[in-house]
Amino acid sequence: MKPHKHAELIKAWADGAEIEYLTERKEWVEKHKYFPWWETSEYRIKPQPKADVIQFWCASCEPLKRPLENNLKLTFDGETGELKAAEVL
């Protein structure tokens, strides 16, 4: 007997993975638990969002008389790389 085309995704879904399907508009949408597994449809495990990136910097205008410490915290969006927040420490 030939396994279902989406057997691996069905198993992942049964183990708790979030599954999405591709609509006619080419958008990924969450698959509802009662929606059938069509062999002609395209499915995927929902991608996990990338974590934000945090960087610490030293921003000082004083002459180098003492060891400098990081006093600026920058948070960048993990998906877009755009600056989300800047904090003076």
N, C-alpha and C. Protein backbone atom coordinates (compact mmCIF):
# COMPACT_ATOMS: atom_id res chain seq x y z
N MET A 1 0.84 -1.19 0.00
CA MET A 1 0.00 0.00 0.00
C MET A 1 0.88 1.25 0.00
N LYS A 2 0.56 2.18 -0.87
CA LYS A 2 1.33 3.42 -0.99
C LYS A 2 0.93 4.39 0.13
N PRO A 3 1.92 5.00 0.84
CA PRO A 3 1.57 5.96 1.90
C PRO A 3 0.94 7.22 1.31
N HIS A 4 0.17 7.90 2.14
CA HIS A 4 -0.46 9.16 1.74
C HIS A 4 0.62 10.16 1.34
N LYS A 5 0.34 10.98 0.36
CA LYS A 5 1.29 11.97 -0.15
C LYS A 5 1.82 12.86 0.98
N HIS A 6 0.97 13.18 1.95
CA HIS A 6 1.36 14.08 3.03
C HIS A 6 1.57 13.34 4.36
N ALA A 7 1.93 12.07 4.28
CA ALA A 7 2.04 11.24 5.49
C ALA A 7 2.96 11.85 6.54
N GLU A 8 4.11 12.36 6.15
CA GLU A 8 5.06 12.93 7.12
C GLU A 8 4.47 14.16 7.82
N LEU A 9 3.78 15.02 7.05
CA LEU A 9 3.15 16.20 7.65
C LEU A 9 1.98 15.81 8.55
N ILE A 10 1.24 14.78 8.15
CA ILE A 10 0.13 14.30 8.97
C ILE A 10 0.67 13.79 10.31
N LYS A 11 1.78 13.07 10.26
CA LYS A 11 2.40 12.57 11.50
C LYS A 11 2.88 13.73 12.37
N ALA A 12 3.50 14.74 11.76
CA ALA A 12 3.97 15.90 12.51
C ALA A 12 2.79 16.63 13.14
N TRP A 13 1.68 16.76 12.39
CA TRP A 13 0.47 17.39 12.90
C TRP A 13 -0.09 16.60 14.09
N ALA A 14 -0.09 15.27 13.99
CA ALA A 14 -0.58 14.42 15.08
C ALA A 14 0.29 14.57 16.33
N ASP A 15 1.56 14.92 16.13
CA ASP A 15 2.48 15.12 17.25
C ASP A 15 2.46 16.56 17.78
N GLY A 16 1.59 17.40 17.22
CA GLY A 16 1.42 18.75 17.75
C GLY A 16 1.95 19.89 16.89
N ALA A 17 2.51 19.59 15.73
CA ALA A 17 3.02 20.66 14.86
C ALA A 17 1.86 21.47 14.27
N GLU A 18 2.08 22.78 14.11
CA GLU A 18 1.08 23.62 13.46
C GLU A 18 1.28 23.52 11.95
N ILE A 19 0.20 23.23 11.23
CA ILE A 19 0.27 23.02 9.79
C ILE A 19 -0.47 24.14 9.08
N GLU A 20 0.10 24.57 7.96
CA GLU A 20 -0.54 25.57 7.11
C GLU A 20 -0.75 24.98 5.72
N TYR A 21 -1.74 25.51 5.01
CA TYR A 21 -1.94 25.11 3.62
C TYR A 21 -1.90 26.33 2.72
N LEU A 22 -1.58 26.11 1.46
CA LEU A 22 -1.46 27.20 0.49
C LEU A 22 -2.80 27.41 -0.20
N THR A 23 -3.33 28.64 -0.11
CA THR A 23 -4.63 28.95 -0.71
C THR A 23 -4.46 29.23 -2.21
N GLU A 24 -5.59 29.38 -2.87
CA GLU A 24 -5.58 29.74 -4.30
C GLU A 24 -4.94 31.11 -4.53
N ARG A 25 -4.97 31.96 -3.49
CA ARG A 25 -4.37 33.29 -3.58
C ARG A 25 -2.87 33.26 -3.26
N LYS A 26 -2.33 32.06 -3.07
CA LYS A 26 -0.91 31.86 -2.75
C LYS A 26 -0.54 32.44 -1.39
N GLU A 27 -1.46 32.28 -0.43
CA GLU A 27 -1.22 32.70 0.95
C GLU A 27 -1.23 31.46 1.84
N TRP A 28 -0.33 31.43 2.82
CA TRP A 28 -0.29 30.32 3.77
C TRP A 28 -1.27 30.62 4.90
N VAL A 29 -2.17 29.65 5.17
CA VAL A 29 -3.22 29.80 6.17
C VAL A 29 -3.19 28.58 7.10
N GLU A 30 -3.51 28.81 8.38
CA GLU A 30 -3.52 27.71 9.35
C GLU A 30 -4.57 26.67 8.95
N LYS A 31 -4.16 25.41 9.00
CA LYS A 31 -5.07 24.31 8.69
C LYS A 31 -5.90 23.99 9.93
N HIS A 32 -7.21 23.95 9.77
CA HIS A 32 -8.09 23.60 10.88
C HIS A 32 -8.12 22.09 11.05
N LYS A 33 -8.30 21.63 12.28
CA LYS A 33 -8.20 20.19 12.55
C LYS A 33 -9.25 19.37 11.82
N TYR A 34 -10.38 19.96 11.44
CA TYR A 34 -11.41 19.19 10.75
C TYR A 34 -11.33 19.31 9.23
N PHE A 35 -10.39 20.07 8.75
CA PHE A 35 -10.20 20.24 7.30
C PHE A 35 -9.48 19.01 6.76
N PRO A 36 -9.95 18.41 5.68
CA PRO A 36 -9.32 17.17 5.18
C PRO A 36 -7.93 17.42 4.58
N TRP A 37 -7.18 16.35 4.49
CA TRP A 37 -5.86 16.38 3.86
C TRP A 37 -6.04 16.00 2.39
N TRP A 38 -6.09 17.02 1.53
CA TRP A 38 -6.26 16.77 0.10
C TRP A 38 -4.90 16.45 -0.53
N GLU A 39 -4.87 15.45 -1.35
CA GLU A 39 -3.61 15.08 -2.03
C GLU A 39 -3.18 16.17 -3.00
N THR A 40 -4.11 16.95 -3.50
CA THR A 40 -3.79 18.00 -4.48
C THR A 40 -3.38 19.32 -3.83
N SER A 41 -3.54 19.43 -2.50
CA SER A 41 -3.18 20.67 -1.81
C SER A 41 -1.73 20.63 -1.36
N GLU A 42 -1.20 21.82 -1.08
CA GLU A 42 0.17 21.94 -0.59
C GLU A 42 0.14 22.36 0.87
N TYR A 43 0.91 21.66 1.72
CA TYR A 43 0.95 21.91 3.16
C TYR A 43 2.39 22.11 3.60
N ARG A 44 2.54 22.72 4.78
CA ARG A 44 3.86 22.86 5.38
C ARG A 44 3.71 23.01 6.89
N ILE A 45 4.80 22.75 7.60
CA ILE A 45 4.83 23.06 9.02
C ILE A 45 5.00 24.56 9.14
N LYS A 46 4.20 25.19 9.99
CA LYS A 46 4.25 26.64 10.16
C LYS A 46 5.64 27.06 10.61
N PRO A 47 6.30 27.96 9.88
CA PRO A 47 7.64 28.40 10.27
C PRO A 47 7.61 29.15 11.60
N GLN A 48 8.62 28.94 12.39
CA GLN A 48 8.75 29.66 13.66
C GLN A 48 9.38 31.02 13.39
N PRO A 49 8.85 32.07 14.01
CA PRO A 49 9.44 33.40 13.79
C PRO A 49 10.86 33.46 14.34
N LYS A 50 11.68 34.22 13.67
CA LYS A 50 13.07 34.38 14.12
C LYS A 50 13.09 35.30 15.34
N ALA A 51 13.94 34.98 16.28
CA ALA A 51 14.05 35.77 17.50
C ALA A 51 14.68 37.12 17.21
N ASP A 52 14.31 38.12 18.02
CA ASP A 52 14.93 39.44 17.90
C ASP A 52 16.42 39.34 18.22
N VAL A 53 17.18 40.26 17.66
CA VAL A 53 18.63 40.31 17.89
C VAL A 53 18.91 41.52 18.78
N ILE A 54 19.61 41.28 19.87
CA ILE A 54 19.95 42.36 20.80
C ILE A 54 21.45 42.58 20.76
N GLN A 55 21.84 43.84 20.62
CA GLN A 55 23.25 44.21 20.59
C GLN A 55 23.49 45.29 21.64
N PHE A 56 24.66 45.24 22.24
CA PHE A 56 25.06 46.25 23.21
C PHE A 56 26.24 47.02 22.63
N TRP A 57 26.20 48.35 22.78
CA TRP A 57 27.24 49.21 22.23
C TRP A 57 27.66 50.23 23.29
N CYS A 58 28.84 50.77 23.05
CA CYS A 58 29.33 51.85 23.90
C CYS A 58 29.22 53.13 23.09
N ALA A 59 28.41 54.06 23.59
CA ALA A 59 28.25 55.36 22.95
C ALA A 59 28.74 56.41 23.94
N SER A 60 29.92 56.93 23.69
CA SER A 60 30.50 57.88 24.63
C SER A 60 31.20 58.99 23.87
N CYS A 61 31.08 60.20 24.40
CA CYS A 61 31.76 61.34 23.82
C CYS A 61 32.94 61.78 24.68
N GLU A 62 33.15 61.12 25.79
CA GLU A 62 34.23 61.48 26.70
C GLU A 62 35.56 60.95 26.18
N PRO A 63 36.64 61.65 26.51
CA PRO A 63 37.97 61.12 26.15
C PRO A 63 38.19 59.77 26.82
N LEU A 64 39.05 58.99 26.26
CA LEU A 64 39.29 57.63 26.75
C LEU A 64 40.15 57.66 28.02
N LYS A 65 39.57 58.13 29.12
CA LYS A 65 40.28 58.23 30.39
C LYS A 65 40.07 57.00 31.25
N ARG A 66 38.98 56.28 31.02
CA ARG A 66 38.68 55.11 31.84
C ARG A 66 38.13 54.01 30.93
N PRO A 67 38.09 52.79 31.42
CA PRO A 67 37.51 51.74 30.58
C PRO A 67 36.06 52.07 30.21
N LEU A 68 35.74 51.93 28.96
CA LEU A 68 34.38 52.23 28.50
C LEU A 68 33.48 51.02 28.73
N GLU A 69 32.23 51.29 29.06
CA GLU A 69 31.25 50.24 29.27
C GLU A 69 30.12 50.40 28.27
N ASN A 70 29.50 49.28 27.91
CA ASN A 70 28.35 49.35 27.02
C ASN A 70 27.24 50.11 27.72
N ASN A 71 26.72 51.13 27.05
CA ASN A 71 25.65 51.92 27.64
C ASN A 71 24.47 52.11 26.69
N LEU A 72 24.44 51.33 25.63
CA LEU A 72 23.36 51.41 24.65
C LEU A 72 22.92 50.00 24.29
N LYS A 73 21.61 49.76 24.38
CA LYS A 73 21.04 48.46 24.03
C LYS A 73 20.15 48.65 22.81
N LEU A 74 20.46 47.94 21.71
CA LEU A 74 19.68 48.03 20.48
C LEU A 74 18.97 46.70 20.24
N THR A 75 17.68 46.76 19.92
CA THR A 75 16.90 45.56 19.63
C THR A 75 16.44 45.62 18.18
N PHE A 76 16.81 44.58 17.42
CA PHE A 76 16.45 44.50 16.00
C PHE A 76 15.43 43.37 15.80
N ASP A 77 14.46 43.61 14.95
CA ASP A 77 13.45 42.61 14.62
C ASP A 77 14.13 41.42 13.95
N GLY A 78 13.86 40.23 14.45
CA GLY A 78 14.48 39.03 13.91
C GLY A 78 14.06 38.69 12.50
N GLU A 79 12.87 39.12 12.11
CA GLU A 79 12.37 38.83 10.76
C GLU A 79 12.86 39.84 9.73
N THR A 80 12.81 41.13 10.08
CA THR A 80 13.10 42.18 9.09
C THR A 80 14.49 42.79 9.25
N GLY A 81 15.07 42.65 10.44
CA GLY A 81 16.36 43.29 10.70
C GLY A 81 16.23 44.76 11.05
N GLU A 82 15.00 45.27 11.09
CA GLU A 82 14.77 46.69 11.40
C GLU A 82 14.96 46.95 12.90
N LEU A 83 15.45 48.13 13.22
CA LEU A 83 15.59 48.54 14.61
C LEU A 83 14.21 48.70 15.24
N LYS A 84 13.99 48.00 16.36
CA LYS A 84 12.70 48.06 17.06
C LYS A 84 12.78 48.97 18.29
N ALA A 85 13.93 48.96 18.95
CA ALA A 85 14.05 49.72 20.18
C ALA A 85 15.51 50.08 20.42
N ALA A 86 15.71 51.22 21.07
CA ALA A 86 17.03 51.66 21.50
C ALA A 86 16.90 52.14 22.94
N GLU A 87 17.77 51.65 23.79
CA GLU A 87 17.67 51.98 25.21
C GLU A 87 19.03 52.42 25.72
N VAL A 88 19.05 53.56 26.41
CA VAL A 88 20.28 54.04 27.04
C VAL A 88 20.33 53.39 28.42
N LEU A 89 21.45 52.73 28.70
CA LEU A 89 21.59 52.02 29.98
C LEU A 89 22.26 52.87 31.02
